[in-house]
Amino acid sequence: MKQQIVCAIKIWHRQRHDGVDFVPLLERTNQIIPVDTIVADKGYDSESNHVAVDNLGITSIIPPRYADVPIYKTRGYHRKRLKRNGCDKKSHHQRNKTETIFSVIKKMFGENVMSKKILTQNRELFYRVIAYNAYRITRNNVLIMYGFYTATNYRKHKY
């Protein structure tokens, strides 16, 4: 999230809950770049997601779906532990960067897909993500090259 680069995507053409794709995308992303912490919204709060994240050795920051339900009525070891320890609000705020990525892609390339066939729609979306990643990589390198960020300053700065 420091460089706001997209590592893995899954495209669906029908309405469907994203929770099904959470673990496979996390595993694929973890193969590309090691993940220390995962930040997600309440929709991903399920015991199976917490177990999968824990098995990968990743810290999860997912707020409980039903915060007003007492701990003794909450199911699952990981969800109870999360309710007891609380959710780190400052770290959970990093989730907004994901929404920023979606917003930038829509502003740069438009909200509509021009293709009619599903295969070309998928390609168009993949190319948009590739173009966005290329933009972010070159933008960061240009800022360093022209002295806006030094190498030490760049690491400290959070994107």
Protein backbone atom coordinates (compact mmCIF):
# COMPACT_ATOMS: atom_id res chain seq x y z
CA MET A 1 0.00 0.00 0.00
CA LYS A 2 2.98 2.34 0.36
CA GLN A 3 3.27 2.62 -3.42
CA GLN A 4 -0.42 1.98 -4.16
CA ILE A 5 0.21 -0.69 -6.78
CA VAL A 6 -2.34 -3.36 -7.66
CA CYS A 7 -0.90 -6.89 -7.27
CA ALA A 8 -3.91 -9.12 -8.01
CA ILE A 9 -7.41 -8.63 -9.37
CA LYS A 10 -10.49 -10.76 -9.91
CA ILE A 11 -13.19 -9.65 -12.35
CA TRP A 12 -16.83 -10.68 -12.01
CA HIS A 13 -19.58 -9.67 -14.41
CA ARG A 14 -22.44 -10.38 -12.07
CA GLN A 15 -23.17 -9.12 -8.59
CA ARG A 16 -21.49 -11.35 -6.09
CA HIS A 17 -19.95 -11.07 -2.64
CA ASP A 18 -16.19 -10.50 -2.63
CA GLY A 19 -15.63 -12.69 0.43
CA VAL A 20 -15.36 -15.79 -1.78
CA ASP A 21 -12.29 -14.36 -3.53
CA PHE A 22 -10.60 -12.97 -0.40
CA VAL A 23 -8.33 -15.93 0.45
CA PRO A 24 -7.25 -16.84 -3.14
CA LEU A 25 -6.36 -13.21 -3.93
CA LEU A 26 -4.50 -12.86 -0.64
CA GLU A 27 -2.50 -16.02 -1.34
CA ARG A 28 -1.67 -14.83 -4.87
CA THR A 29 -0.63 -11.40 -3.58
CA ASN A 30 1.50 -12.99 -0.86
CA GLN A 31 3.35 -14.97 -3.54
CA ILE A 32 4.12 -11.77 -5.47
CA ILE A 33 5.11 -9.61 -2.51
CA PRO A 34 5.21 -10.65 1.16
CA VAL A 35 2.22 -9.28 3.08
CA ASP A 36 2.64 -8.33 6.75
CA THR A 37 -0.77 -6.87 7.50
CA ILE A 38 -4.13 -7.13 5.78
CA VAL A 39 -6.70 -4.38 6.26
CA ALA A 40 -10.30 -5.04 5.22
CA ASP A 41 -13.78 -3.80 5.99
CA LYS A 42 -16.53 -5.49 8.01
CA GLY A 43 -17.75 -7.51 5.04
CA TYR A 44 -14.70 -9.79 5.30
CA ASP A 45 -15.17 -10.58 8.99
CA SER A 46 -15.62 -14.33 8.98
CA GLU A 47 -13.83 -16.97 11.00
CA SER A 48 -12.61 -18.75 7.86
CA ASN A 49 -10.95 -15.55 6.60
CA HIS A 50 -9.27 -14.97 9.96
CA VAL A 51 -8.02 -18.57 10.07
CA ALA A 52 -6.63 -18.34 6.52
CA VAL A 53 -4.88 -15.05 7.30
CA ASP A 54 -3.46 -16.52 10.52
CA ASN A 55 -2.20 -19.64 8.66
CA LEU A 56 -0.31 -17.39 6.23
CA GLY A 57 1.34 -15.58 9.16
CA ILE A 58 -0.33 -12.26 8.38
CA THR A 59 -1.80 -9.82 10.89
CA SER A 60 -5.43 -9.01 10.13
CA ILE A 61 -7.15 -5.72 10.89
CA ILE A 62 -10.80 -6.42 10.17
CA PRO A 63 -13.38 -4.78 12.44
CA PRO A 64 -16.09 -7.07 13.80
CA ARG A 65 -19.28 -7.10 11.77
CA TYR A 66 -21.57 -6.88 14.78
CA ALA A 67 -19.78 -4.75 17.35
CA ASP A 68 -22.74 -4.59 19.75
CA VAL A 69 -23.02 -8.39 20.15
CA PRO A 70 -21.37 -9.57 23.42
CA ILE A 71 -18.16 -11.59 23.22
CA TYR A 72 -19.72 -14.75 24.68
CA LYS A 73 -22.26 -14.82 21.80
CA THR A 74 -19.59 -14.31 19.13
CA ARG A 75 -18.48 -17.47 17.35
CA GLY A 76 -14.89 -18.34 16.58
CA TYR A 77 -11.60 -17.98 18.42
CA HIS A 78 -10.15 -15.31 16.12
CA ARG A 79 -13.29 -13.16 16.13
CA LYS A 80 -13.49 -13.28 19.93
CA ARG A 81 -9.82 -12.34 20.19
CA LEU A 82 -10.40 -9.43 17.84
CA LYS A 83 -13.31 -8.18 19.93
CA ARG A 84 -11.30 -8.43 23.16
CA ASN A 85 -8.25 -6.64 21.80
CA GLY A 86 -10.15 -4.10 19.73
CA CYS A 87 -9.40 -2.85 16.24
CA ASP A 88 -6.53 -0.46 15.57
CA LYS A 89 -8.35 2.55 14.09
CA LYS A 90 -5.18 4.23 12.80
CA SER A 91 -4.09 1.15 10.88
CA HIS A 92 -7.63 0.44 9.65
CA HIS A 93 -7.68 3.93 8.15
CA GLN A 94 -5.10 2.69 5.60
CA ARG A 95 -7.98 0.89 3.87
CA ASN A 96 -8.97 4.23 2.35
CA LYS A 97 -5.96 3.91 0.03
CA THR A 98 -7.74 1.05 -1.73
CA GLU A 99 -10.72 3.27 -2.45
CA THR A 100 -8.29 5.94 -3.69
CA ILE A 101 -6.82 3.46 -6.19
CA PHE A 102 -10.30 2.67 -7.56
CA SER A 103 -11.11 6.39 -7.78
CA VAL A 104 -7.88 7.22 -9.64
CA ILE A 105 -8.39 4.39 -12.15
CA LYS A 106 -11.94 5.59 -12.84
CA LYS A 107 -10.83 9.22 -13.23
CA MET A 108 -7.92 8.35 -15.53
CA PHE A 109 -9.64 5.79 -17.77
CA GLY A 110 -13.34 6.41 -17.30
CA GLU A 111 -16.00 4.46 -15.48
CA ASN A 112 -17.46 2.67 -18.49
CA VAL A 113 -16.14 -0.34 -20.34
CA MET A 114 -16.36 0.13 -24.11
CA SER A 115 -16.05 -3.52 -25.15
CA LYS A 116 -19.09 -5.67 -25.82
CA LYS A 117 -17.72 -9.20 -25.42
CA ILE A 118 -16.77 -10.53 -22.01
CA LEU A 119 -13.28 -11.56 -23.13
CA THR A 120 -12.45 -8.08 -24.42
CA GLN A 121 -14.04 -6.48 -21.34
CA ASN A 122 -11.67 -8.50 -19.17
CA ARG A 123 -8.72 -7.47 -21.30
CA GLU A 124 -9.74 -3.83 -21.16
CA LEU A 125 -9.91 -3.91 -17.36
CA PHE A 126 -6.58 -5.73 -17.09
CA TYR A 127 -4.96 -3.17 -19.39
CA ARG A 128 -6.35 -0.34 -17.27
CA VAL A 129 -4.78 -1.85 -14.16
CA ILE A 130 -1.47 -2.40 -15.98
CA ALA A 131 -1.50 1.20 -17.22
CA TYR A 132 -2.29 2.45 -13.72
CA ASN A 133 0.60 0.42 -12.25
CA ALA A 134 2.95 1.76 -14.93
CA TYR A 135 1.80 5.29 -14.11
CA ARG A 136 2.45 4.80 -10.38
CA ILE A 137 5.89 3.26 -10.93
CA THR A 138 7.05 5.96 -13.35
CA ARG A 139 5.52 8.73 -11.22
CA ASN A 140 7.42 7.58 -8.14
CA ASN A 141 10.69 7.25 -10.08
CA VAL A 142 10.27 10.71 -11.67
CA LEU A 143 9.68 12.31 -8.28
CA ILE A 144 12.87 10.72 -6.97
CA MET A 145 14.81 11.62 -10.13
CA TYR A 146 13.94 15.33 -9.95
CA GLY A 147 14.76 15.54 -6.26
CA PHE A 148 11.28 15.85 -4.79
CA TYR A 149 12.09 12.76 -2.74
CA THR A 150 15.49 11.48 -1.80
CA ALA A 151 15.95 7.75 -1.39
CA THR A 152 15.67 7.98 2.41
CA ASN A 153 12.81 10.48 2.26
CA TYR A 154 10.92 8.26 -0.18
CA ARG A 155 10.91 5.31 2.20
CA LYS A 156 9.60 7.46 5.06
CA HIS A 157 6.85 9.03 2.98
CA LYS A 158 3.60 7.06 3.01
CA TYR A 159 1.52 6.94 -0.14
